[in-house]
Amino acid sequence: MSGKGNGNSYDNAIVETFFKALKSELVWRTVFMTRADAKTVIGRYIDGFYNPVRRHSSLDFISPAT
């Protein structure tokens, strides 16, 4: 993360967008009985959200799994 005034205010935008989606789509809509339940459900959400086989333009269209 950049410090104040470094001119790079968008370096954390992707992560912030992901966590906003996680909270609005899952966490705020679910009542977890235990911490273990929360960890399991959130882990499944992350595994479903992030596709390691998808090709990424930043990796010259190679998947991170290869």
Protein backbone atom coordinates (compact mmCIF):
# COMPACT_ATOMS: atom_id res chain seq x y z
CA MET A 1 0.00 0.00 0.00
CA SER A 2 1.23 3.44 -0.77
CA GLY A 3 1.60 6.12 1.81
CA LYS A 4 -0.27 9.38 1.86
CA GLY A 5 0.57 11.61 -1.07
CA ASN A 6 2.47 9.01 -3.11
CA GLY A 7 0.10 9.41 -6.04
CA ASN A 8 -0.78 5.71 -6.22
CA SER A 9 -4.20 5.61 -4.60
CA TYR A 10 -5.51 2.69 -6.67
CA ASP A 11 -2.94 0.04 -5.70
CA ASN A 12 -5.34 -1.65 -3.27
CA ALA A 13 -8.56 -1.25 -5.25
CA ILE A 14 -8.74 -4.86 -6.45
CA VAL A 15 -8.44 -6.27 -2.95
CA GLU A 16 -10.95 -3.80 -1.57
CA THR A 17 -13.40 -4.73 -4.34
CA PHE A 18 -12.99 -8.43 -3.56
CA PHE A 19 -13.61 -7.96 0.17
CA LYS A 20 -16.63 -5.75 -0.52
CA ALA A 21 -18.08 -8.50 -2.71
CA LEU A 22 -17.30 -11.13 -0.08
CA LYS A 23 -19.04 -9.14 2.63
CA SER A 24 -22.08 -8.07 0.63
CA GLU A 25 -22.69 -11.42 -1.07
CA LEU A 26 -21.92 -13.72 1.84
CA VAL A 27 -20.99 -12.38 5.25
CA TRP A 28 -23.80 -9.85 5.73
CA ARG A 29 -26.41 -12.36 4.48
CA THR A 30 -25.33 -15.32 6.61
CA VAL A 31 -25.62 -16.12 10.30
CA PHE A 32 -22.69 -18.30 11.31
CA MET A 33 -23.15 -20.52 14.35
CA THR A 34 -19.43 -21.03 14.98
CA ARG A 35 -16.14 -19.61 13.81
CA ALA A 36 -15.37 -22.94 12.16
CA ASP A 37 -18.57 -22.65 10.10
CA ALA A 38 -17.56 -19.16 9.02
CA LYS A 39 -14.07 -20.31 8.01
CA THR A 40 -15.49 -23.18 5.97
CA VAL A 41 -18.08 -21.10 4.14
CA ILE A 42 -15.73 -18.19 3.47
CA GLY A 43 -13.06 -20.62 2.25
CA ARG A 44 -15.54 -22.14 -0.20
CA TYR A 45 -16.51 -18.66 -1.41
CA ILE A 46 -12.88 -17.74 -2.05
CA ASP A 47 -12.20 -21.03 -3.85
CA GLY A 48 -15.24 -20.42 -6.05
CA PHE A 49 -14.42 -16.76 -6.66
CA TYR A 50 -10.80 -17.30 -7.61
CA ASN A 51 -10.34 -19.56 -10.60
CA PRO A 52 -6.70 -20.74 -10.71
CA VAL A 53 -7.19 -22.20 -14.20
CA ARG A 54 -8.42 -18.92 -15.73
CA ARG A 55 -5.83 -17.26 -17.90
CA HIS A 56 -4.69 -13.83 -16.73
CA SER A 57 -3.62 -11.03 -19.02
CA SER A 58 -1.02 -9.89 -16.51
CA LEU A 59 0.65 -13.33 -16.85
CA ASP A 60 0.73 -13.24 -20.68
CA PHE A 61 -2.51 -15.24 -20.71
CA ILE A 62 -1.09 -18.17 -18.74
CA SER A 63 -3.03 -19.59 -15.82
CA PRO A 64 -1.49 -19.32 -12.34
CA ALA A 65 -1.92 -23.07 -11.91
CA THR A 66 0.53 -23.93 -14.69
